[in-house]
Amino acid sequence: NDDYKNYNGWSHRQFIVQKFDLWAAELEFVEDLLRDDVRNNSAWNHRYTIVRKTKWPLTDKSRQQEIDFTLTALRKCVNNESAWNYLGAFLGEGPDKVPWDSMPVVESFCREVLASAPEPEKSCRFAVEALARVHEARGEVAEGLNHYALLKTIDKIRASYWDWRAALLSQKTATVAAAAS
């Protein structure tokens, strides 16, 4: 099949793999697909399903392997939204996630990506957002707000969303400050 992005095909594959417990070979299969087309969102989603079925709950080593795999893929195509979304599945708040600032390799990669931009307004929006999340996790409000302001310039279509994220960060900070006093 030449259509590795067919939703119905992936749904059927997951059913068969689940029914006959064929998860062992799936990771290698998906890695081959991602080598051929690193932007294949369906393959990234299937990889997450495989990880959930075979490595969950994640150990620190497993999480690091997934993050390293993703960063390697992002080095090939830095504006790959599918890979950035996959990365975000392991970082942030929520069950089985670790804080954005707990993985220095992610912050380092984002800074490297931003340093390669000819000017701030041409920065990779995904790297800017990831850095905003790192600053949020550290409680570095001004830096986080600066990144959200830059995102409004880079990603005008989502300007209202970035305003909301900035307001949320400010509100969180105000709530923490009020609780501390």
C-alpha atoms as a PDB file:
ATOM      1  CA  ASN A   1       0.000   0.000   0.000  1.00  0.00           C
ATOM      2  CA  ASP A   2       1.334   3.407  -0.953  1.00  0.00           C
ATOM      3  CA  ASP A   3      -1.103   5.253   1.305  1.00  0.00           C
ATOM      4  CA  TYR A   4       0.501   5.187   4.742  1.00  0.00           C
ATOM      5  CA  LYS A   5      -1.651   8.081   5.913  1.00  0.00           C
ATOM      6  CA  ASN A   6      -5.046   6.426   5.481  1.00  0.00           C
ATOM      7  CA  TYR A   7      -6.976   6.758   8.733  1.00  0.00           C
ATOM      8  CA  ASN A   8      -9.100   3.668   8.104  1.00  0.00           C
ATOM      9  CA  GLY A   9      -6.005   1.615   7.318  1.00  0.00           C
ATOM     10  CA  TRP A  10      -4.362   2.627  10.589  1.00  0.00           C
ATOM     11  CA  SER A  11      -7.519   1.912  12.542  1.00  0.00           C
ATOM     12  CA  HIS A  12      -7.720  -1.567  11.011  1.00  0.00           C
ATOM     13  CA  ARG A  13      -4.012  -2.174  11.664  1.00  0.00           C
ATOM     14  CA  GLN A  14      -4.377  -1.223  15.331  1.00  0.00           C
ATOM     15  CA  PHE A  15      -7.327  -3.572  15.669  1.00  0.00           C
ATOM     16  CA  ILE A  16      -5.357  -6.495  14.178  1.00  0.00           C
ATOM     17  CA  VAL A  17      -2.217  -5.747  16.183  1.00  0.00           C
ATOM     18  CA  GLN A  18      -4.261  -5.538  19.386  1.00  0.00           C
ATOM     19  CA  LYS A  19      -6.344  -8.636  18.629  1.00  0.00           C
ATOM     20  CA  PHE A  20      -3.348 -10.841  17.879  1.00  0.00           C
ATOM     21  CA  ASP A  21      -0.893  -9.121  20.235  1.00  0.00           C
ATOM     22  CA  LEU A  22       1.566  -8.209  17.486  1.00  0.00           C
ATOM     23  CA  TRP A  23       3.035  -5.136  19.216  1.00  0.00           C
ATOM     24  CA  ALA A  24       6.617  -6.448  19.307  1.00  0.00           C
ATOM     25  CA  ALA A  25       7.387  -5.710  15.636  1.00  0.00           C
ATOM     26  CA  GLU A  26       5.386  -2.501  15.362  1.00  0.00           C
ATOM     27  CA  LEU A  27       8.000  -0.094  16.649  1.00  0.00           C
ATOM     28  CA  GLU A  28      10.493  -1.129  13.979  1.00  0.00           C
ATOM     29  CA  PHE A  29       7.761  -0.883  11.322  1.00  0.00           C
ATOM     30  CA  VAL A  30       6.828   2.650  12.369  1.00  0.00           C
ATOM     31  CA  GLU A  31      10.459   3.722  12.551  1.00  0.00           C
ATOM     32  CA  ASP A  32      10.875   2.581   8.931  1.00  0.00           C
ATOM     33  CA  LEU A  33       7.836   4.623   7.922  1.00  0.00           C
ATOM     34  CA  LEU A  34       9.129   7.695   9.736  1.00  0.00           C
ATOM     35  CA  ARG A  35      12.521   7.322   8.064  1.00  0.00           C
ATOM     36  CA  ASP A  36      10.677   7.419   4.730  1.00  0.00           C
ATOM     37  CA  ASP A  37       8.367  10.293   5.702  1.00  0.00           C
ATOM     38  CA  VAL A  38       9.145  12.048   8.976  1.00  0.00           C
ATOM     39  CA  ARG A  39       5.937  14.116   8.643  1.00  0.00           C
ATOM     40  CA  ASN A  40       3.607  11.109   8.659  1.00  0.00           C
ATOM     41  CA  ASN A  41       1.254  12.118  11.473  1.00  0.00           C
ATOM     42  CA  SER A  42      -0.462   8.716  11.395  1.00  0.00           C
ATOM     43  CA  ALA A  43       2.857   6.985  12.010  1.00  0.00           C
ATOM     44  CA  TRP A  44       3.624   9.321  14.923  1.00  0.00           C
ATOM     45  CA  ASN A  45       0.186   8.578  16.411  1.00  0.00           C
ATOM     46  CA  HIS A  46       0.720   4.850  15.960  1.00  0.00           C
ATOM     47  CA  ARG A  47       4.135   5.126  17.605  1.00  0.00           C
ATOM     48  CA  TYR A  48       2.461   6.690  20.647  1.00  0.00           C
ATOM     49  CA  THR A  49      -0.062   3.845  20.744  1.00  0.00           C
ATOM     50  CA  ILE A  50       2.793   1.315  20.561  1.00  0.00           C
ATOM     51  CA  VAL A  51       4.623   3.038  23.409  1.00  0.00           C
ATOM     52  CA  ARG A  52       1.424   3.083  25.484  1.00  0.00           C
ATOM     53  CA  LYS A  53       0.883  -0.630  24.851  1.00  0.00           C
ATOM     54  CA  THR A  54       4.475  -1.809  25.326  1.00  0.00           C
ATOM     55  CA  LYS A  55       6.347   0.587  27.620  1.00  0.00           C
ATOM     56  CA  TRP A  56       3.717   2.086  29.909  1.00  0.00           C
ATOM     57  CA  PRO A  57       4.123   3.309  32.546  1.00  0.00           C
ATOM     58  CA  LEU A  58       7.251   4.920  31.198  1.00  0.00           C
ATOM     59  CA  THR A  59      10.547   4.599  32.941  1.00  0.00           C
ATOM     60  CA  ASP A  60      12.935   7.536  32.801  1.00  0.00           C
ATOM     61  CA  LYS A  61      14.999   5.540  30.311  1.00  0.00           C
ATOM     62  CA  SER A  62      12.006   4.872  28.027  1.00  0.00           C
ATOM     63  CA  ARG A  63      10.935   8.511  28.145  1.00  0.00           C
ATOM     64  CA  GLN A  64      14.473   9.635  27.315  1.00  0.00           C
ATOM     65  CA  GLN A  65      14.565   7.200  24.364  1.00  0.00           C
ATOM     66  CA  GLU A  66      11.329   8.652  22.977  1.00  0.00           C
ATOM     67  CA  ILE A  67      12.520  12.218  23.444  1.00  0.00           C
ATOM     68  CA  ASP A  68      15.876  11.423  21.805  1.00  0.00           C
ATOM     69  CA  PHE A  69      14.121   9.724  18.879  1.00  0.00           C
ATOM     70  CA  THR A  70      11.871  12.735  18.432  1.00  0.00           C
ATOM     71  CA  LEU A  71      14.683  15.272  18.602  1.00  0.00           C
ATOM     72  CA  THR A  72      16.605  13.276  15.999  1.00  0.00           C
ATOM     73  CA  ALA A  73      13.566  13.423  13.727  1.00  0.00           C
ATOM     74  CA  LEU A  74      13.150  17.138  14.376  1.00  0.00           C
ATOM     75  CA  ARG A  75      16.751  17.759  13.339  1.00  0.00           C
ATOM     76  CA  LYS A  76      15.713  16.502   9.893  1.00  0.00           C
ATOM     77  CA  CYS A  77      12.596  18.676   9.727  1.00  0.00           C
ATOM     78  CA  VAL A  78      12.383  21.288  12.468  1.00  0.00           C
ATOM     79  CA  ASN A  79       8.896  22.520  11.546  1.00  0.00           C
ATOM     80  CA  ASN A  80       7.380  19.046  11.777  1.00  0.00           C
ATOM     81  CA  GLU A  81       4.236  19.642  13.804  1.00  0.00           C
ATOM     82  CA  SER A  82       3.605  15.901  14.227  1.00  0.00           C
ATOM     83  CA  ALA A  83       6.965  15.360  15.933  1.00  0.00           C
ATOM     84  CA  TRP A  84       6.528  18.413  18.175  1.00  0.00           C
ATOM     85  CA  ASN A  85       3.089  17.135  19.216  1.00  0.00           C
ATOM     86  CA  TYR A  86       4.602  13.739  19.943  1.00  0.00           C
ATOM     87  CA  LEU A  87       7.267  15.388  22.100  1.00  0.00           C
ATOM     88  CA  GLY A  88       4.539  17.223  24.000  1.00  0.00           C
ATOM     89  CA  ALA A  89       2.870  13.915  24.845  1.00  0.00           C
ATOM     90  CA  PHE A  90       5.690  13.243  27.318  1.00  0.00           C
ATOM     91  CA  LEU A  91       6.195  16.736  28.735  1.00  0.00           C
ATOM     92  CA  GLY A  92       3.996  19.124  30.667  1.00  0.00           C
ATOM     93  CA  GLU A  93       1.385  18.600  33.318  1.00  0.00           C
ATOM     94  CA  GLY A  94      -0.722  15.522  33.688  1.00  0.00           C
ATOM     95  CA  PRO A  95      -0.444  11.821  34.294  1.00  0.00           C
ATOM     96  CA  ASP A  96       2.769  10.175  33.104  1.00  0.00           C
ATOM     97  CA  LYS A  97       4.311  13.476  31.996  1.00  0.00           C
ATOM     98  CA  VAL A  98       7.362  15.239  33.354  1.00  0.00           C
ATOM     99  CA  PRO A  99       7.724  19.029  33.515  1.00  0.00           C
ATOM    100  CA  TRP A 100       9.006  20.819  30.426  1.00  0.00           C
ATOM    101  CA  ASP A 101      12.034  22.070  32.344  1.00  0.00           C
ATOM    102  CA  SER A 102      13.085  18.577  33.456  1.00  0.00           C
ATOM    103  CA  MET A 103      14.648  17.705  30.089  1.00  0.00           C
ATOM    104  CA  PRO A 104      17.603  20.043  29.448  1.00  0.00           C
ATOM    105  CA  VAL A 105      18.163  18.411  26.045  1.00  0.00           C
ATOM    106  CA  VAL A 106      14.787  19.768  24.875  1.00  0.00           C
ATOM    107  CA  GLU A 107      15.580  23.316  25.983  1.00  0.00           C
ATOM    108  CA  SER A 108      19.017  23.095  24.408  1.00  0.00           C
ATOM    109  CA  PHE A 109      17.545  21.883  21.119  1.00  0.00           C
ATOM    110  CA  CYS A 110      14.976  24.702  21.101  1.00  0.00           C
ATOM    111  CA  ARG A 111      17.649  27.313  21.720  1.00  0.00           C
ATOM    112  CA  GLU A 112      19.717  25.834  18.892  1.00  0.00           C
ATOM    113  CA  VAL A 113      16.711  26.015  16.554  1.00  0.00           C
ATOM    114  CA  LEU A 114      15.985  29.632  17.491  1.00  0.00           C
ATOM    115  CA  ALA A 115      19.636  30.614  17.076  1.00  0.00           C
ATOM    116  CA  SER A 116      19.500  29.383  13.487  1.00  0.00           C
ATOM    117  CA  ALA A 117      16.578  31.667  12.573  1.00  0.00           C
ATOM    118  CA  PRO A 118      17.604  34.678  10.461  1.00  0.00           C
ATOM    119  CA  GLU A 119      15.422  36.916  12.653  1.00  0.00           C
ATOM    120  CA  PRO A 120      13.106  36.294  15.627  1.00  0.00           C
ATOM    121  CA  GLU A 121       9.945  36.691  13.537  1.00  0.00           C
ATOM    122  CA  LYS A 122      11.066  33.755  11.373  1.00  0.00           C
ATOM    123  CA  SER A 123      11.668  31.414  14.305  1.00  0.00           C
ATOM    124  CA  CYS A 124      10.134  27.960  14.461  1.00  0.00           C
ATOM    125  CA  ARG A 125       6.888  28.511  16.349  1.00  0.00           C
ATOM    126  CA  PHE A 126       7.063  25.059  17.917  1.00  0.00           C
ATOM    127  CA  ALA A 127      10.495  25.733  19.424  1.00  0.00           C
ATOM    128  CA  VAL A 128       9.311  29.117  20.714  1.00  0.00           C
ATOM    129  CA  GLU A 129       6.269  27.511  22.315  1.00  0.00           C
ATOM    130  CA  ALA A 130       8.382  24.761  23.885  1.00  0.00           C
ATOM    131  CA  LEU A 131      10.669  27.399  25.419  1.00  0.00           C
ATOM    132  CA  ALA A 132       7.644  29.295  26.711  1.00  0.00           C
ATOM    133  CA  ARG A 133       6.552  26.054  28.396  1.00  0.00           C
ATOM    134  CA  VAL A 134      10.038  25.560  29.870  1.00  0.00           C
ATOM    135  CA  HIS A 135       9.925  29.076  31.342  1.00  0.00           C
ATOM    136  CA  GLU A 136       6.400  28.487  32.652  1.00  0.00           C
ATOM    137  CA  ALA A 137       7.530  25.293  34.380  1.00  0.00           C
ATOM    138  CA  ARG A 138      10.331  27.233  36.072  1.00  0.00           C
ATOM    139  CA  GLY A 139       8.051  30.080  37.073  1.00  0.00           C
ATOM    140  CA  GLU A 140       9.986  32.495  34.837  1.00  0.00           C
ATOM    141  CA  VAL A 141       6.985  34.612  33.976  1.00  0.00           C
ATOM    142  CA  ALA A 142       8.641  37.459  32.084  1.00  0.00           C
ATOM    143  CA  GLU A 143      10.520  35.062  29.805  1.00  0.00           C
ATOM    144  CA  GLY A 144       7.385  33.008  29.196  1.00  0.00           C
ATOM    145  CA  LEU A 145       5.375  36.119  28.374  1.00  0.00           C
ATOM    146  CA  ASN A 146       8.105  37.300  25.977  1.00  0.00           C
ATOM    147  CA  HIS A 147       7.878  34.012  24.107  1.00  0.00           C
ATOM    148  CA  TYR A 148       4.077  34.223  23.909  1.00  0.00           C
ATOM    149  CA  ALA A 149       4.379  37.776  22.577  1.00  0.00           C
ATOM    150  CA  LEU A 150       6.801  36.524  19.912  1.00  0.00           C
ATOM    151  CA  LEU A 151       4.372  33.736  19.041  1.00  0.00           C
ATOM    152  CA  LYS A 152       1.678  36.338  18.364  1.00  0.00           C
ATOM    153  CA  THR A 153       4.011  37.807  15.732  1.00  0.00           C
ATOM    154  CA  ILE A 154       5.109  34.493  14.247  1.00  0.00           C
ATOM    155  CA  ASP A 155       1.725  32.786  14.370  1.00  0.00           C
ATOM    156  CA  LYS A 156      -0.846  35.511  13.820  1.00  0.00           C
ATOM    157  CA  ILE A 157      -3.681  33.082  13.090  1.00  0.00           C
ATOM    158  CA  ARG A 158      -3.475  31.881  16.707  1.00  0.00           C
ATOM    159  CA  ALA A 159      -2.899  35.302  18.284  1.00  0.00           C
ATOM    160  CA  SER A 160      -5.949  34.908  20.526  1.00  0.00           C
ATOM    161  CA  TYR A 161      -4.667  31.545  21.721  1.00  0.00           C
ATOM    162  CA  TRP A 162      -1.264  33.014  22.577  1.00  0.00           C
ATOM    163  CA  ASP A 163      -3.013  35.851  24.433  1.00  0.00           C
ATOM    164  CA  TRP A 164      -4.940  33.228  26.376  1.00  0.00           C
ATOM    165  CA  ARG A 165      -1.737  31.288  27.199  1.00  0.00           C
ATOM    166  CA  ALA A 166      -0.101  34.525  28.385  1.00  0.00           C
ATOM    167  CA  ALA A 167      -3.140  35.395  30.525  1.00  0.00           C
ATOM    168  CA  LEU A 168      -3.138  31.883  31.969  1.00  0.00           C
ATOM    169  CA  LEU A 169       0.534  32.205  32.900  1.00  0.00           C
ATOM    170  CA  SER A 170      -0.082  35.588  34.511  1.00  0.00           C
ATOM    171  CA  GLN A 171      -3.111  34.242  36.362  1.00  0.00           C
ATOM    172  CA  LYS A 172      -1.174  31.217  37.626  1.00  0.00           C
ATOM    173  CA  THR A 173       1.557  33.501  38.886  1.00  0.00           C
ATOM    174  CA  ALA A 174      -0.937  35.787  40.630  1.00  0.00           C
ATOM    175  CA  THR A 175      -2.602  32.790  42.275  1.00  0.00           C
ATOM    176  CA  VAL A 176       0.737  31.437  43.528  1.00  0.00           C
ATOM    177  CA  ALA A 177       1.746  34.893  44.804  1.00  0.00           C
ATOM    178  CA  ALA A 178      -1.597  35.310  46.616  1.00  0.00           C
ATOM    179  CA  ALA A 179      -1.273  31.894  48.220  1.00  0.00           C
ATOM    180  CA  ALA A 180       2.255  32.678  49.392  1.00  0.00           C
ATOM    181  CA  SER A 181       1.218  35.881  51.158  1.00  0.00           C
END
